Amino acid sequence: MRLPIKYISKIIFVVVVSILAFDAIATMLFGSLGKTTESSEWNYILTLYIFLASLGAIALIANLKTNLTIFKIFKPIATVLSATLSFALLGFYYGGSTTNNNPQIAIITAIALGIVGTIFSLKYNQFIIKGVTSIASIAAYGFAFYAVTNASAYFSVANLFGGISWGIICLIYLSITINNLMNISNQLN
């Protein structure tokens, strides 16, 4: 059985984008572990966690298949926002890492690539939507990883409320990850 070139190119694109996103998110996440609110990088770390949480949840909204009017209204907005955040996140990491972690260049690159993501998503290019969904899946999984490390930290000091709360957040983001991965699988067919 021969696979059409269009199908193969979709798979290659999603795999390449996923590798780039995994590298960026994993490096930033592991680099943020153990940092406290007193560290000079804390604002960047907090922004990373907000980006990861938002990106995973927004992509879920963008890919929901429902007849509820509230989701029909927000679906186009969620698609654009998901693409903007995905491109900005990758722009921040690769712009900063290629310039010896220069935060000004990283921010400028994030803004520039965020604008590119917005433009591409407005054209509703199916390649871009598939790539954004794969980035969002990895972002949701990254936030689930962050949540489980927080849950573990709270449980280790016998803070049950904090541990259970972060554990629930971890489970929610794991389900978002699975849902986004299923959407990618459906989109590739």
N, C-alpha and C. Protein backbone atom coordinates (compact mmCIF):
# COMPACT_ATOMS: atom_id res chain seq x y z
N MET A 1 0.84 -1.18 0.00
CA MET A 1 0.00 0.00 0.00
C MET A 1 0.89 1.25 0.00
N ARG A 2 0.63 2.10 -0.93
CA ARG A 2 1.42 3.33 -1.05
C ARG A 2 0.69 4.47 -0.35
N LEU A 3 1.45 5.24 0.40
CA LEU A 3 0.90 6.41 1.06
C LEU A 3 1.07 7.62 0.15
N PRO A 4 0.05 8.45 0.06
CA PRO A 4 0.19 9.66 -0.76
C PRO A 4 1.22 10.62 -0.17
N ILE A 5 1.87 11.36 -1.05
CA ILE A 5 2.89 12.33 -0.63
C ILE A 5 2.31 13.34 0.34
N LYS A 6 1.07 13.77 0.12
CA LYS A 6 0.44 14.76 1.00
C LYS A 6 0.35 14.22 2.43
N TYR A 7 0.01 12.97 2.58
CA TYR A 7 -0.10 12.35 3.90
C TYR A 7 1.28 12.25 4.56
N ILE A 8 2.27 11.87 3.80
CA ILE A 8 3.63 11.74 4.33
C ILE A 8 4.17 13.11 4.74
N SER A 9 3.89 14.14 3.94
CA SER A 9 4.37 15.48 4.29
C SER A 9 3.71 16.00 5.56
N LYS A 10 2.44 15.66 5.79
CA LYS A 10 1.77 16.05 7.03
C LYS A 10 2.47 15.41 8.22
N ILE A 11 2.75 14.13 8.10
CA ILE A 11 3.39 13.40 9.21
C ILE A 11 4.78 13.97 9.48
N ILE A 12 5.55 14.21 8.44
CA ILE A 12 6.90 14.75 8.62
C ILE A 12 6.84 16.12 9.29
N PHE A 13 5.91 16.97 8.85
CA PHE A 13 5.78 18.30 9.43
C PHE A 13 5.44 18.21 10.92
N VAL A 14 4.47 17.38 11.28
CA VAL A 14 4.07 17.25 12.68
C VAL A 14 5.22 16.69 13.52
N VAL A 15 5.96 15.73 12.98
CA VAL A 15 7.08 15.15 13.73
C VAL A 15 8.18 16.19 13.95
N VAL A 16 8.53 16.95 12.93
CA VAL A 16 9.57 17.97 13.07
C VAL A 16 9.15 19.05 14.07
N VAL A 17 7.92 19.53 13.96
CA VAL A 17 7.42 20.55 14.89
C VAL A 17 7.38 19.99 16.31
N SER A 18 6.99 18.73 16.45
CA SER A 18 6.93 18.11 17.78
C SER A 18 8.32 17.99 18.39
N ILE A 19 9.30 17.64 17.60
CA ILE A 19 10.68 17.54 18.11
C ILE A 19 11.18 18.90 18.56
N LEU A 20 10.94 19.92 17.75
CA LEU A 20 11.36 21.28 18.12
C LEU A 20 10.66 21.74 19.41
N ALA A 21 9.35 21.46 19.49
CA ALA A 21 8.60 21.88 20.68
C ALA A 21 9.04 21.10 21.91
N PHE A 22 9.26 19.80 21.76
CA PHE A 22 9.69 18.99 22.90
C PHE A 22 11.04 19.46 23.42
N ASP A 23 11.96 19.73 22.50
CA ASP A 23 13.28 20.23 22.90
C ASP A 23 13.16 21.54 23.67
N ALA A 24 12.38 22.47 23.13
CA ALA A 24 12.24 23.78 23.76
C ALA A 24 11.55 23.67 25.13
N ILE A 25 10.44 22.98 25.19
CA ILE A 25 9.67 22.92 26.43
C ILE A 25 10.41 22.12 27.49
N ALA A 26 11.00 21.00 27.11
CA ALA A 26 11.73 20.19 28.09
C ALA A 26 12.93 20.96 28.65
N THR A 27 13.66 21.64 27.80
CA THR A 27 14.82 22.41 28.26
C THR A 27 14.39 23.52 29.21
N MET A 28 13.33 24.24 28.85
CA MET A 28 12.87 25.31 29.72
C MET A 28 12.31 24.78 31.03
N LEU A 29 11.57 23.68 30.97
CA LEU A 29 10.99 23.12 32.20
C LEU A 29 12.08 22.62 33.15
N PHE A 30 13.00 21.83 32.63
CA PHE A 30 14.05 21.30 33.50
C PHE A 30 14.95 22.41 34.02
N GLY A 31 15.12 23.46 33.24
CA GLY A 31 15.91 24.60 33.70
C GLY A 31 15.20 25.39 34.80
N SER A 32 13.88 25.28 34.86
CA SER A 32 13.13 26.05 35.86
C SER A 32 12.96 25.31 37.17
N LEU A 33 13.20 24.01 37.18
CA LEU A 33 13.00 23.25 38.42
C LEU A 33 13.99 23.69 39.48
N GLY A 34 13.50 23.81 40.68
CA GLY A 34 14.35 24.19 41.80
C GLY A 34 14.52 25.68 41.98
N LYS A 35 14.02 26.47 41.07
CA LYS A 35 14.12 27.93 41.21
C LYS A 35 13.03 28.42 42.16
N THR A 36 13.35 29.43 42.92
CA THR A 36 12.39 29.99 43.86
C THR A 36 11.94 31.37 43.40
N THR A 37 10.99 31.91 44.12
CA THR A 37 10.46 33.23 43.76
C THR A 37 11.50 34.34 43.92
N GLU A 38 12.55 34.06 44.68
CA GLU A 38 13.59 35.06 44.87
C GLU A 38 14.60 35.11 43.73
N SER A 39 14.60 34.10 42.86
CA SER A 39 15.60 34.07 41.79
C SER A 39 15.27 35.12 40.73
N SER A 40 16.30 35.57 40.04
CA SER A 40 16.12 36.62 39.04
C SER A 40 15.33 36.14 37.83
N GLU A 41 15.28 34.83 37.60
CA GLU A 41 14.56 34.29 36.45
C GLU A 41 13.09 34.01 36.75
N TRP A 42 12.62 34.28 37.94
CA TRP A 42 11.29 33.85 38.34
C TRP A 42 10.19 34.41 37.43
N ASN A 43 10.31 35.65 36.95
CA ASN A 43 9.29 36.20 36.06
C ASN A 43 9.20 35.41 34.77
N TYR A 44 10.34 34.98 34.23
CA TYR A 44 10.34 34.16 33.01
C TYR A 44 9.74 32.79 33.28
N ILE A 45 10.05 32.23 34.44
CA ILE A 45 9.53 30.91 34.80
C ILE A 45 8.02 30.97 34.96
N LEU A 46 7.53 31.97 35.64
CA LEU A 46 6.09 32.13 35.81
C LEU A 46 5.40 32.31 34.47
N THR A 47 6.01 33.08 33.59
CA THR A 47 5.46 33.26 32.25
C THR A 47 5.44 31.94 31.49
N LEU A 48 6.47 31.14 31.63
CA LEU A 48 6.51 29.82 30.99
C LEU A 48 5.35 28.97 31.46
N TYR A 49 5.12 28.91 32.76
CA TYR A 49 4.03 28.08 33.29
C TYR A 49 2.67 28.58 32.81
N ILE A 50 2.50 29.89 32.76
CA ILE A 50 1.24 30.45 32.27
C ILE A 50 1.06 30.10 30.79
N PHE A 51 2.13 30.21 30.00
CA PHE A 51 2.06 29.86 28.58
C PHE A 51 1.69 28.39 28.41
N LEU A 52 2.35 27.51 29.14
CA LEU A 52 2.08 26.07 29.00
C LEU A 52 0.64 25.74 29.38
N ALA A 53 0.18 26.28 30.49
CA ALA A 53 -1.19 26.01 30.94
C ALA A 53 -2.21 26.57 29.94
N SER A 54 -1.98 27.79 29.50
CA SER A 54 -2.91 28.43 28.57
C SER A 54 -2.93 27.73 27.22
N LEU A 55 -1.77 27.41 26.73
CA LEU A 55 -1.66 26.78 25.41
C LEU A 55 -2.37 25.44 25.36
N GLY A 56 -2.19 24.63 26.38
CA GLY A 56 -2.87 23.33 26.42
C GLY A 56 -4.37 23.47 26.46
N ALA A 57 -4.87 24.37 27.32
CA ALA A 57 -6.31 24.55 27.47
C ALA A 57 -6.94 25.21 26.24
N ILE A 58 -6.26 26.19 25.66
CA ILE A 58 -6.81 26.88 24.49
C ILE A 58 -6.87 25.94 23.29
N ALA A 59 -5.86 25.10 23.13
CA ALA A 59 -5.88 24.14 22.02
C ALA A 59 -7.02 23.15 22.18
N LEU A 60 -7.32 22.78 23.41
CA LEU A 60 -8.45 21.89 23.66
C LEU A 60 -9.74 22.55 23.19
N ILE A 61 -9.93 23.82 23.51
CA ILE A 61 -11.12 24.55 23.07
C ILE A 61 -11.15 24.65 21.55
N ALA A 62 -10.01 24.90 20.93
CA ALA A 62 -9.95 25.05 19.48
C ALA A 62 -10.28 23.75 18.76
N ASN A 63 -10.03 22.62 19.40
CA ASN A 63 -10.26 21.33 18.74
C ASN A 63 -11.52 20.61 19.20
N LEU A 64 -12.29 21.21 20.11
CA LEU A 64 -13.52 20.56 20.57
C LEU A 64 -14.52 20.47 19.43
N LYS A 65 -15.15 19.34 19.36
CA LYS A 65 -16.22 19.17 18.38
C LYS A 65 -17.52 19.08 19.16
N THR A 66 -18.22 20.20 19.23
CA THR A 66 -19.45 20.27 20.01
C THR A 66 -20.43 21.21 19.33
N ASN A 67 -21.67 21.10 19.73
CA ASN A 67 -22.71 21.98 19.17
C ASN A 67 -23.05 23.13 20.11
N LEU A 68 -22.35 23.25 21.22
CA LEU A 68 -22.61 24.35 22.14
C LEU A 68 -22.20 25.67 21.49
N THR A 69 -23.09 26.64 21.52
CA THR A 69 -22.81 27.90 20.84
C THR A 69 -21.64 28.65 21.45
N ILE A 70 -21.43 28.50 22.75
CA ILE A 70 -20.32 29.21 23.39
C ILE A 70 -18.98 28.78 22.80
N PHE A 71 -18.84 27.48 22.52
CA PHE A 71 -17.59 26.99 21.93
C PHE A 71 -17.50 27.34 20.46
N LYS A 72 -18.63 27.41 19.76
CA LYS A 72 -18.60 27.81 18.36
C LYS A 72 -18.15 29.25 18.21
N ILE A 73 -18.49 30.09 19.19
CA ILE A 73 -18.08 31.49 19.15
C ILE A 73 -16.58 31.61 19.39
N PHE A 74 -16.07 30.86 20.38
CA PHE A 74 -14.68 31.00 20.78
C PHE A 74 -13.71 30.14 19.98
N LYS A 75 -14.20 29.19 19.18
CA LYS A 75 -13.31 28.29 18.45
C LYS A 75 -12.37 29.03 17.50
N PRO A 76 -12.85 29.95 16.66
CA PRO A 76 -11.90 30.68 15.78
C PRO A 76 -10.90 31.52 16.57
N ILE A 77 -11.35 32.12 17.66
CA ILE A 77 -10.45 32.92 18.49
C ILE A 77 -9.42 32.01 19.14
N ALA A 78 -9.86 30.85 19.61
CA ALA A 78 -8.95 29.90 20.27
C ALA A 78 -7.90 29.38 19.28
N THR A 79 -8.29 29.17 18.04
CA THR A 79 -7.35 28.70 17.03
C THR A 79 -6.25 29.73 16.80
N VAL A 80 -6.63 30.99 16.66
CA VAL A 80 -5.66 32.07 16.45
C VAL A 80 -4.78 32.24 17.68
N LEU A 81 -5.38 32.23 18.85
CA LEU A 81 -4.62 32.41 20.09
C LEU A 81 -3.65 31.25 20.32
N SER A 82 -4.09 30.04 20.00
CA SER A 82 -3.23 28.87 20.15
C SER A 82 -2.02 28.96 19.23
N ALA A 83 -2.24 29.37 18.00
CA ALA A 83 -1.13 29.51 17.05
C ALA A 83 -0.18 30.62 17.49
N THR A 84 -0.74 31.73 17.96
CA THR A 84 0.08 32.85 18.41
C THR A 84 0.96 32.44 19.59
N LEU A 85 0.36 31.79 20.59
CA LEU A 85 1.13 31.36 21.76
C LEU A 85 2.17 30.30 21.41
N SER A 86 1.82 29.38 20.53
CA SER A 86 2.76 28.33 20.13
C SER A 86 3.99 28.91 19.46
N PHE A 87 3.77 29.77 18.50
CA PHE A 87 4.88 30.38 17.77
C PHE A 87 5.70 31.28 18.70
N ALA A 88 5.02 32.00 19.59
CA ALA A 88 5.74 32.88 20.52
C ALA A 88 6.61 32.07 21.48
N LEU A 89 6.09 30.95 21.95
CA LEU A 89 6.86 30.10 22.86
C LEU A 89 8.11 29.56 22.19
N LEU A 90 7.96 29.06 20.98
CA LEU A 90 9.14 28.56 20.24
C LEU A 90 10.08 29.70 19.88
N GLY A 91 9.52 30.85 19.54
CA GLY A 91 10.35 32.01 19.23
C GLY A 91 11.16 32.47 20.43
N PHE A 92 10.54 32.45 21.59
CA PHE A 92 11.24 32.86 22.80
C PHE A 92 12.41 31.92 23.08
N TYR A 93 12.15 30.62 23.00
CA TYR A 93 13.21 29.67 23.32
C TYR A 93 14.34 29.73 22.29
N TYR A 94 14.00 29.56 21.01
CA TYR A 94 15.05 29.49 20.00
C TYR A 94 15.70 30.85 19.75
N GLY A 95 14.97 31.94 19.92
CA GLY A 95 15.58 33.27 19.81
C GLY A 95 16.56 33.52 20.93
N GLY A 96 16.22 33.08 22.13
CA GLY A 96 17.11 33.26 23.27
C GLY A 96 18.29 32.30 23.26
N SER A 97 18.02 31.04 22.92
CA SER A 97 19.11 30.06 22.98
C SER A 97 20.15 30.26 21.88
N THR A 98 19.76 30.82 20.77
CA THR A 98 20.73 31.06 19.70
C THR A 98 21.56 32.33 19.94
N THR A 99 21.15 33.15 20.92
CA THR A 99 21.89 34.38 21.22
C THR A 99 22.43 34.37 22.65
N ASN A 100 22.83 33.21 23.12
CA ASN A 100 23.41 33.07 24.47
C ASN A 100 22.45 33.54 25.56
N ASN A 101 21.19 33.16 25.45
CA ASN A 101 20.15 33.48 26.44
C ASN A 101 19.95 34.98 26.66
N ASN A 102 20.00 35.72 25.58
CA ASN A 102 19.74 37.16 25.63
C ASN A 102 18.23 37.37 25.74
N PRO A 103 17.74 37.88 26.89
CA PRO A 103 16.29 38.00 27.07
C PRO A 103 15.63 39.01 26.12
N GLN A 104 16.34 40.06 25.76
CA GLN A 104 15.74 41.05 24.86
C GLN A 104 15.51 40.45 23.48
N ILE A 105 16.49 39.73 22.97
CA ILE A 105 16.33 39.09 21.66
C ILE A 105 15.25 38.01 21.74
N ALA A 106 15.21 37.27 22.85
CA ALA A 106 14.20 36.23 23.02
C ALA A 106 12.79 36.82 22.98
N ILE A 107 12.60 37.94 23.64
CA ILE A 107 11.28 38.58 23.66
C ILE A 107 10.93 39.13 22.28
N ILE A 108 11.89 39.74 21.61
CA ILE A 108 11.63 40.26 20.26
C ILE A 108 11.29 39.11 19.30
N THR A 109 12.03 38.02 19.40
CA THR A 109 11.75 36.86 18.55
C THR A 109 10.38 36.26 18.87
N ALA A 110 10.03 36.22 20.15
CA ALA A 110 8.71 35.71 20.54
C ALA A 110 7.59 36.56 19.95
N ILE A 111 7.75 37.87 20.02
CA ILE A 111 6.73 38.76 19.46
C ILE A 111 6.64 38.59 17.94
N ALA A 112 7.79 38.53 17.28
CA ALA A 112 7.79 38.40 15.82
C ALA A 112 7.16 37.08 15.38
N LEU A 113 7.57 35.99 16.02
CA LEU A 113 6.99 34.70 15.63
C LEU A 113 5.53 34.57 16.07
N GLY A 114 5.14 35.24 17.16
CA GLY A 114 3.73 35.27 17.55
C GLY A 114 2.88 35.93 16.48
N ILE A 115 3.40 37.01 15.90
CA ILE A 115 2.69 37.68 14.81
C ILE A 115 2.61 36.77 13.58
N VAL A 116 3.70 36.07 13.29
CA VAL A 116 3.69 35.12 12.16
C VAL A 116 2.65 34.02 12.40
N GLY A 117 2.60 33.50 13.63
CA GLY A 117 1.61 32.48 13.96
C GLY A 117 0.19 32.99 13.80
N THR A 118 -0.02 34.23 14.19
CA THR A 118 -1.35 34.83 14.04
C THR A 118 -1.73 34.92 12.56
N ILE A 119 -0.82 35.39 11.75
CA ILE A 119 -1.09 35.54 10.32
C ILE A 119 -1.37 34.18 9.68
N PHE A 120 -0.54 33.18 10.00
CA PHE A 120 -0.76 31.84 9.43
C PHE A 120 -2.08 31.24 9.88
N SER A 121 -2.44 31.46 11.13
CA SER A 121 -3.69 30.86 11.62
C SER A 121 -4.91 31.57 11.04
N LEU A 122 -4.78 32.86 10.73
CA LEU A 122 -5.90 33.56 10.11
C LEU A 122 -6.17 33.03 8.70
N LYS A 123 -5.11 32.58 8.05
CA LYS A 123 -5.29 31.96 6.74
C LYS A 123 -5.80 30.53 6.89
N TYR A 124 -5.83 30.04 8.15
CA TYR A 124 -6.31 28.72 8.52
C TYR A 124 -5.62 27.63 7.70
N ASN A 125 -4.32 27.73 7.59
CA ASN A 125 -3.51 26.74 6.91
C ASN A 125 -3.53 25.45 7.74
N GLN A 126 -4.00 24.37 7.12
CA GLN A 126 -4.15 23.10 7.85
C GLN A 126 -2.82 22.57 8.38
N PHE A 127 -1.73 22.81 7.67
CA PHE A 127 -0.42 22.40 8.19
C PHE A 127 -0.13 23.09 9.52
N ILE A 128 -0.41 24.37 9.57
CA ILE A 128 -0.14 25.14 10.78
C ILE A 128 -1.01 24.64 11.93
N ILE A 129 -2.27 24.36 11.67
CA ILE A 129 -3.18 23.89 12.72
C ILE A 129 -2.69 22.57 13.29
N LYS A 130 -2.22 21.67 12.45
CA LYS A 130 -1.69 20.38 12.92
C LYS A 130 -0.44 20.59 13.76
N GLY A 131 0.43 21.46 13.32
CA GLY A 131 1.65 21.75 14.08
C GLY A 131 1.35 22.40 15.41
N VAL A 132 0.40 23.32 15.42
CA VAL A 132 0.02 24.01 16.66
C VAL A 132 -0.59 23.02 17.64
N THR A 133 -1.38 22.09 17.16
CA THR A 133 -1.98 21.09 18.04
C THR A 133 -0.91 20.20 18.65
N SER A 134 0.12 19.87 17.88
CA SER A 134 1.19 19.04 18.45
C SER A 134 1.98 19.83 19.49
N ILE A 135 2.23 21.11 19.24
CA ILE A 135 2.92 21.95 20.23
C ILE A 135 2.07 22.05 21.49
N ALA A 136 0.77 22.24 21.32
CA ALA A 136 -0.12 22.36 22.47
C ALA A 136 -0.17 21.07 23.29
N SER A 137 -0.09 19.94 22.62
CA SER A 137 -0.06 18.66 23.34
C SER A 137 1.17 18.56 24.22
N ILE A 138 2.30 18.95 23.67
CA ILE A 138 3.54 18.90 24.43
C ILE A 138 3.52 19.93 25.56
N ALA A 139 2.93 21.10 25.30
CA ALA A 139 2.82 22.12 26.34
C ALA A 139 1.93 21.65 27.49
N ALA A 140 0.82 21.01 27.15
CA ALA A 140 -0.08 20.49 28.19
C ALA A 140 0.63 19.41 29.00
N TYR A 141 1.38 18.56 28.34
CA TYR A 141 2.12 17.53 29.05
C TYR A 141 3.21 18.16 29.93
N GLY A 142 3.85 19.20 29.44
CA GLY A 142 4.84 19.91 30.24
C GLY A 142 4.22 20.52 31.48
N PHE A 143 3.02 21.09 31.34
CA PHE A 143 2.37 21.66 32.52
C PHE A 143 1.93 20.55 33.48
N ALA A 144 1.54 19.40 32.94
CA ALA A 144 1.20 18.26 33.81
C ALA A 144 2.44 17.82 34.60
N PHE A 145 3.60 17.84 33.95
CA PHE A 145 4.84 17.51 34.64
C PHE A 145 5.12 18.51 35.76
N TYR A 146 4.93 19.78 35.46
CA TYR A 146 5.12 20.82 36.48
C TYR A 146 4.14 20.60 37.64
N ALA A 147 2.89 20.27 37.32
CA ALA A 147 1.88 20.07 38.36
C ALA A 147 2.22 18.87 39.24
N VAL A 148 2.72 17.79 38.64
CA VAL A 148 3.05 16.62 39.44
C VAL A 148 4.27 16.88 40.32
N THR A 149 5.22 17.71 39.86
CA THR A 149 6.35 18.04 40.73
C THR A 149 5.88 18.90 41.91
N ASN A 150 4.93 19.79 41.67
CA ASN A 150 4.38 20.59 42.77
C ASN A 150 3.59 19.70 43.73
N ALA A 151 2.80 18.78 43.19
CA ALA A 151 2.04 17.87 44.06
C ALA A 151 3.00 17.05 44.92
N SER A 152 4.06 16.57 44.33
CA SER A 152 5.05 15.80 45.08
C SER A 152 5.69 16.63 46.18
N ALA A 153 6.00 17.87 45.87
CA ALA A 153 6.60 18.76 46.87
C ALA A 153 5.65 19.00 48.03
N TYR A 154 4.37 19.23 47.72
CA TYR A 154 3.40 19.46 48.79
C TYR A 154 3.18 18.20 49.63
N PHE A 155 3.12 17.04 48.97
CA PHE A 155 2.94 15.80 49.73
C PHE A 155 4.15 15.51 50.61
N SER A 156 5.34 15.89 50.15
CA SER A 156 6.55 15.61 50.94
C SER A 156 6.62 16.42 52.23
N VAL A 157 5.89 17.54 52.29
CA VAL A 157 5.85 18.31 53.54
C VAL A 157 4.49 18.16 54.23
N ALA A 158 3.76 17.11 53.89
CA ALA A 158 2.48 16.76 54.50
C ALA A 158 1.40 17.83 54.33
N ASN A 159 1.44 18.53 53.22
CA ASN A 159 0.39 19.49 52.90
C ASN A 159 -0.57 18.80 51.93
N LEU A 160 -1.60 18.15 52.50
CA LEU A 160 -2.51 17.35 51.68
C LEU A 160 -3.32 18.20 50.72
N PHE A 161 -3.80 19.35 51.16
CA PHE A 161 -4.63 20.18 50.29
C PHE A 161 -3.85 20.61 49.04
N GLY A 162 -2.64 21.10 49.24
CA GLY A 162 -1.81 21.52 48.10
C GLY A 162 -1.47 20.35 47.20
N GLY A 163 -1.12 19.21 47.80
CA GLY A 163 -0.77 18.03 47.01
C GLY A 163 -1.93 17.50 46.20
N ILE A 164 -3.10 17.43 46.82
CA ILE A 164 -4.29 16.94 46.10
C ILE A 164 -4.69 17.92 45.02
N SER A 165 -4.64 19.21 45.31
CA SER A 165 -5.01 20.22 44.31
C SER A 165 -4.10 20.13 43.08
N TRP A 166 -2.79 20.09 43.29
CA TRP A 166 -1.87 19.98 42.16
C TRP A 166 -1.99 18.63 41.48
N GLY A 167 -2.32 17.58 42.23
CA GLY A 167 -2.55 16.26 41.62
C GLY A 167 -3.75 16.28 40.68
N ILE A 168 -4.80 16.95 41.09
CA ILE A 168 -5.99 17.07 40.23
C ILE A 168 -5.66 17.87 38.97
N ILE A 169 -4.92 18.96 39.15
CA ILE A 169 -4.50 19.76 37.99
C ILE A 169 -3.66 18.91 37.04
N CYS A 170 -2.78 18.08 37.59
CA CYS A 170 -1.97 17.19 36.76
C CYS A 170 -2.85 16.25 35.95
N LEU A 171 -3.85 15.66 36.59
CA LEU A 171 -4.75 14.74 35.88
C LEU A 171 -5.55 15.46 34.80
N ILE A 172 -5.97 16.68 35.08
CA ILE A 172 -6.70 17.46 34.07
C ILE A 172 -5.82 17.70 32.85
N TYR A 173 -4.56 18.09 33.09
CA TYR A 173 -3.68 18.38 31.97
C TYR A 173 -3.20 17.12 31.25
N LEU A 174 -3.15 16.01 31.94
CA LEU A 174 -2.88 14.75 31.24
C LEU A 174 -4.04 14.40 30.31
N SER A 175 -5.28 14.64 30.76
CA SER A 175 -6.43 14.37 29.89
C SER A 175 -6.46 15.35 28.71
N ILE A 176 -6.05 16.60 28.94
CA ILE A 176 -5.96 17.56 27.83
C ILE A 176 -4.91 17.10 26.82
N THR A 177 -3.78 16.59 27.33
CA THR A 177 -2.73 16.08 26.45
C THR A 177 -3.26 14.95 25.59
N ILE A 178 -3.94 14.01 26.20
CA ILE A 178 -4.48 12.86 25.47
C ILE A 178 -5.49 13.31 24.43
N ASN A 179 -6.37 14.24 24.82
CA ASN A 179 -7.37 14.75 23.88
C ASN A 179 -6.71 15.43 22.69
N ASN A 180 -5.69 16.26 22.95
CA ASN A 180 -4.99 16.94 21.85
C ASN A 180 -4.27 15.95 20.95
N LEU A 181 -3.68 14.90 21.53
CA LEU A 181 -3.02 13.89 20.71
C LEU A 181 -4.02 13.13 19.84
N MET A 182 -5.19 12.86 20.38
CA MET A 182 -6.23 12.20 19.57
C MET A 182 -6.68 13.11 18.43
N ASN A 183 -6.73 14.43 18.69
CA ASN A 183 -7.09 15.37 17.63
C ASN A 183 -6.05 15.38 16.53
N ILE A 184 -4.78 15.30 16.89
CA ILE A 184 -3.73 15.24 15.88
C ILE A 184 -3.89 13.99 15.03
N SER A 185 -4.14 12.88 15.69
CA SER A 185 -4.32 11.62 14.96
C SER A 185 -5.49 11.71 14.00
N ASN A 186 -6.59 12.31 14.44
CA ASN A 186 -7.76 12.47 13.56
C ASN A 186 -7.46 13.44 12.42
N GLN A 187 -6.69 14.48 12.67
CA GLN A 187 -6.39 15.47 11.64
C GLN A 187 -5.47 14.91 10.57
N LEU A 188 -4.64 13.95 10.93
CA LEU A 188 -3.71 13.39 9.95
C LEU A 188 -4.39 12.44 8.97
N ASN A 189 -5.56 11.98 9.30
CA ASN A 189 -6.28 11.07 8.39
C ASN A 189 -6.93 11.81 7.26
